[in-house]
Each structure stands twice: as structure tokens, then as C-alpha cells.
Amino acid sequence: MTYTKSTEFTQEQQEVARVAKVLSHPARIAILQHLAETKSCISGDISNALPLSRSTVSQHLQELKNAGLIKGEIAGLTVCYCIDQEQYDKAVHLLQHMLTTIKSTCCEDDCSC
């Protein structure tokens, strides 16, 4: 039986994996797209725009918020969400860097597969 410990990986690898995990669900992608289109949104509005229940949307919003990709402000009984642009830009840079590094170091002509 083999296992790995997260400490065996670089901080960047761990961060890429964390962001990728959060983005691995299509509902979360749809929520981010909805927030980008509306610039700001109340959680109930999101469940009206997507084929998901309020409780399911709430769970996905919490995952996105825990990852720092969105932020929310409580306004009475509602929470108004928006993309945290600074954290979102960091995630984009992190993913772009990782994907570019992998592509630039891959051997296309010398591959014997």
C-alpha cells in the first residue's frame, strides 16, 4: 500500500491542486460565470439562474468562498456574492504558470510513446 503526504509536494503544487479541486465541479464553474456576468449576486438569485436547489448552491458558494475565489457581504437576511478579483487573478496566474511550464518542458519530437 502506498500513500503520499502533502508535505512531499511543493507549495505551488499544493496550491494548484487546491484551486483545481475547487474548479472541478461544473456547478462551481457555472456560479463563477454567473457572478462574472452579473458583477454581484444574491445567493437566491444564483439558485434561480441554475438548475440547483438553494442548499446545493449554498454548499458550492461555501467551497468557492473557502478557496478565496469569491467573497460575500451579509445584507440583512441575504448574502451578496462577487468574485474576489485579486484572489481570482492569483489563481489564474498559478494555473497558467503550471500549464505553461508543463507544455514548455514536454518533449514532442523525442517522445517514443
C-alpha atoms as a PDB file:
ATOM      1  CA  MET A   1       0.000   0.000   0.000  1.00  0.00           C
ATOM      2  CA  THR A   2       1.414   3.382  -0.987  1.00  0.00           C
ATOM      3  CA  TYR A   3       0.421   6.831   0.129  1.00  0.00           C
ATOM      4  CA  THR A   4       1.781  10.323  -0.168  1.00  0.00           C
ATOM      5  CA  LYS A   5       1.895  13.197   2.245  1.00  0.00           C
ATOM      6  CA  SER A   6       1.099  16.690   1.079  1.00  0.00           C
ATOM      7  CA  THR A   7       4.340  17.926   2.612  1.00  0.00           C
ATOM      8  CA  GLU A   8       6.214  15.923  -0.007  1.00  0.00           C
ATOM      9  CA  PHE A   9       4.947  18.333  -2.697  1.00  0.00           C
ATOM     10  CA  THR A  10       5.900  21.947  -3.286  1.00  0.00           C
ATOM     11  CA  GLN A  11       3.721  24.745  -2.013  1.00  0.00           C
ATOM     12  CA  GLU A  12       2.907  25.644  -5.629  1.00  0.00           C
ATOM     13  CA  GLN A  13       1.837  22.072  -6.437  1.00  0.00           C
ATOM     14  CA  GLN A  14      -0.402  22.027  -3.389  1.00  0.00           C
ATOM     15  CA  GLU A  15      -1.924  25.380  -4.314  1.00  0.00           C
ATOM     16  CA  VAL A  16      -2.571  24.327  -7.927  1.00  0.00           C
ATOM     17  CA  ALA A  17      -4.258  21.152  -6.664  1.00  0.00           C
ATOM     18  CA  ARG A  18      -6.405  23.143  -4.219  1.00  0.00           C
ATOM     19  CA  VAL A  19      -7.590  25.543  -6.931  1.00  0.00           C
ATOM     20  CA  ALA A  20      -8.142  22.723  -9.428  1.00  0.00           C
ATOM     21  CA  LYS A  21     -10.192  20.790  -6.880  1.00  0.00           C
ATOM     22  CA  VAL A  22     -12.460  23.770  -6.278  1.00  0.00           C
ATOM     23  CA  LEU A  23     -12.884  24.281 -10.022  1.00  0.00           C
ATOM     24  CA  SER A  24     -13.508  20.584 -10.671  1.00  0.00           C
ATOM     25  CA  HIS A  25     -17.283  20.804 -10.332  1.00  0.00           C
ATOM     26  CA  PRO A  26     -19.365  22.207 -13.220  1.00  0.00           C
ATOM     27  CA  ALA A  27     -21.754  23.913 -10.793  1.00  0.00           C
ATOM     28  CA  ARG A  28     -18.902  25.988  -9.406  1.00  0.00           C
ATOM     29  CA  ILE A  29     -17.823  26.965 -12.907  1.00  0.00           C
ATOM     30  CA  ALA A  30     -21.426  27.975 -13.660  1.00  0.00           C
ATOM     31  CA  ILE A  31     -21.579  30.016 -10.444  1.00  0.00           C
ATOM     32  CA  LEU A  32     -18.345  31.845 -11.301  1.00  0.00           C
ATOM     33  CA  GLN A  33     -19.639  32.546 -14.816  1.00  0.00           C
ATOM     34  CA  HIS A  34     -22.928  33.825 -13.402  1.00  0.00           C
ATOM     35  CA  LEU A  35     -21.130  36.098 -10.935  1.00  0.00           C
ATOM     36  CA  ALA A  36     -18.879  37.421 -13.715  1.00  0.00           C
ATOM     37  CA  GLU A  37     -21.900  38.240 -15.872  1.00  0.00           C
ATOM     38  CA  THR A  38     -23.914  39.887 -13.100  1.00  0.00           C
ATOM     39  CA  LYS A  39     -20.915  41.527 -11.343  1.00  0.00           C
ATOM     40  CA  SER A  40     -22.611  40.824  -7.990  1.00  0.00           C
ATOM     41  CA  CYS A  41     -25.354  38.470  -6.925  1.00  0.00           C
ATOM     42  CA  ILE A  42     -27.557  37.459  -4.025  1.00  0.00           C
ATOM     43  CA  SER A  43     -27.368  33.741  -3.307  1.00  0.00           C
ATOM     44  CA  GLY A  44     -31.087  33.192  -4.009  1.00  0.00           C
ATOM     45  CA  ASP A  45     -30.658  34.736  -7.453  1.00  0.00           C
ATOM     46  CA  ILE A  46     -27.952  32.198  -8.248  1.00  0.00           C
ATOM     47  CA  SER A  47     -30.214  29.243  -7.484  1.00  0.00           C
ATOM     48  CA  ASN A  48     -32.866  30.796  -9.736  1.00  0.00           C
ATOM     49  CA  ALA A  49     -30.343  31.023 -12.581  1.00  0.00           C
ATOM     50  CA  LEU A  50     -29.010  27.470 -12.234  1.00  0.00           C
ATOM     51  CA  PRO A  51     -30.732  24.081 -12.146  1.00  0.00           C
ATOM     52  CA  LEU A  52     -29.766  23.632  -8.488  1.00  0.00           C
ATOM     53  CA  SER A  53     -31.519  23.936  -5.153  1.00  0.00           C
ATOM     54  CA  ARG A  54     -30.648  26.779  -2.789  1.00  0.00           C
ATOM     55  CA  SER A  55     -28.956  24.389  -0.374  1.00  0.00           C
ATOM     56  CA  THR A  56     -26.784  22.928  -3.151  1.00  0.00           C
ATOM     57  CA  VAL A  57     -25.848  26.411  -4.388  1.00  0.00           C
ATOM     58  CA  SER A  58     -25.039  27.380  -0.814  1.00  0.00           C
ATOM     59  CA  GLN A  59     -22.651  24.439  -0.457  1.00  0.00           C
ATOM     60  CA  HIS A  60     -20.868  25.329  -3.699  1.00  0.00           C
ATOM     61  CA  LEU A  61     -20.676  29.003  -2.709  1.00  0.00           C
ATOM     62  CA  GLN A  62     -19.045  27.978   0.561  1.00  0.00           C
ATOM     63  CA  GLU A  63     -16.405  25.952  -1.301  1.00  0.00           C
ATOM     64  CA  LEU A  64     -15.654  28.880  -3.613  1.00  0.00           C
ATOM     65  CA  LYS A  65     -15.518  31.256  -0.666  1.00  0.00           C
ATOM     66  CA  ASN A  66     -13.219  28.945   1.342  1.00  0.00           C
ATOM     67  CA  ALA A  67     -10.883  28.868  -1.659  1.00  0.00           C
ATOM     68  CA  GLY A  68     -10.910  32.674  -1.749  1.00  0.00           C
ATOM     69  CA  LEU A  69     -12.310  32.911  -5.277  1.00  0.00           C
ATOM     70  CA  ILE A  70     -15.443  34.738  -4.156  1.00  0.00           C
ATOM     71  CA  LYS A  71     -16.426  36.954  -1.268  1.00  0.00           C
ATOM     72  CA  GLY A  72     -19.788  37.750   0.226  1.00  0.00           C
ATOM     73  CA  GLU A  73     -21.325  40.521   2.255  1.00  0.00           C
ATOM     74  CA  ILE A  74     -24.252  39.940   4.569  1.00  0.00           C
ATOM     75  CA  ALA A  75     -27.094  42.360   3.885  1.00  0.00           C
ATOM     76  CA  GLY A  76     -29.918  41.592   6.287  1.00  0.00           C
ATOM     77  CA  LEU A  77     -31.082  38.056   5.617  1.00  0.00           C
ATOM     78  CA  THR A  78     -29.275  37.759   2.291  1.00  0.00           C
ATOM     79  CA  VAL A  79     -25.660  37.387   1.240  1.00  0.00           C
ATOM     80  CA  CYS A  80     -24.429  39.247  -1.800  1.00  0.00           C
ATOM     81  CA  TYR A  81     -21.586  37.415  -3.556  1.00  0.00           C
ATOM     82  CA  CYS A  82     -18.993  38.598  -6.045  1.00  0.00           C
ATOM     83  CA  ILE A  83     -15.701  37.346  -7.443  1.00  0.00           C
ATOM     84  CA  ASP A  84     -12.696  38.287  -5.326  1.00  0.00           C
ATOM     85  CA  GLN A  85     -10.727  39.688  -8.247  1.00  0.00           C
ATOM     86  CA  GLU A  86      -7.344  39.725  -6.509  1.00  0.00           C
ATOM     87  CA  GLN A  87      -7.570  36.079  -5.435  1.00  0.00           C
ATOM     88  CA  TYR A  88      -9.112  35.063  -8.761  1.00  0.00           C
ATOM     89  CA  ASP A  89      -6.225  36.699 -10.644  1.00  0.00           C
ATOM     90  CA  LYS A  90      -3.732  34.828  -8.441  1.00  0.00           C
ATOM     91  CA  ALA A  91      -5.488  31.525  -9.209  1.00  0.00           C
ATOM     92  CA  VAL A  92      -5.446  32.282 -12.953  1.00  0.00           C
ATOM     93  CA  HIS A  93      -1.737  33.124 -12.821  1.00  0.00           C
ATOM     94  CA  LEU A  94      -0.984  29.982 -10.828  1.00  0.00           C
ATOM     95  CA  LEU A  95      -2.837  27.718 -13.274  1.00  0.00           C
ATOM     96  CA  GLN A  96      -1.378  29.444 -16.330  1.00  0.00           C
ATOM     97  CA  HIS A  97       2.136  29.134 -14.951  1.00  0.00           C
ATOM     98  CA  MET A  98       1.710  25.441 -14.194  1.00  0.00           C
ATOM     99  CA  LEU A  99       0.193  24.642 -17.588  1.00  0.00           C
ATOM    100  CA  THR A 100       2.814  26.677 -19.453  1.00  0.00           C
ATOM    101  CA  THR A 101       5.649  25.015 -17.542  1.00  0.00           C
ATOM    102  CA  ILE A 102       4.350  21.557 -18.311  1.00  0.00           C
ATOM    103  CA  LYS A 103       3.895  22.384 -22.001  1.00  0.00           C
ATOM    104  CA  SER A 104       7.264  24.078 -22.389  1.00  0.00           C
ATOM    105  CA  THR A 105       9.161  21.153 -20.865  1.00  0.00           C
ATOM    106  CA  CYS A 106       7.355  18.413 -22.750  1.00  0.00           C
ATOM    107  CA  CYS A 107       9.324  16.712 -25.476  1.00  0.00           C
ATOM    108  CA  GLU A 108       7.244  16.477 -28.644  1.00  0.00           C
ATOM    109  CA  ASP A 109       9.778  15.239 -31.193  1.00  0.00           C
ATOM    110  CA  ASP A 110      11.727  12.939 -28.887  1.00  0.00           C
ATOM    111  CA  CYS A 111       8.707  11.133 -27.466  1.00  0.00           C
ATOM    112  CA  SER A 112       8.770   7.418 -28.172  1.00  0.00           C
ATOM    113  CA  CYS A 113       5.212   6.750 -26.980  1.00  0.00           C
END
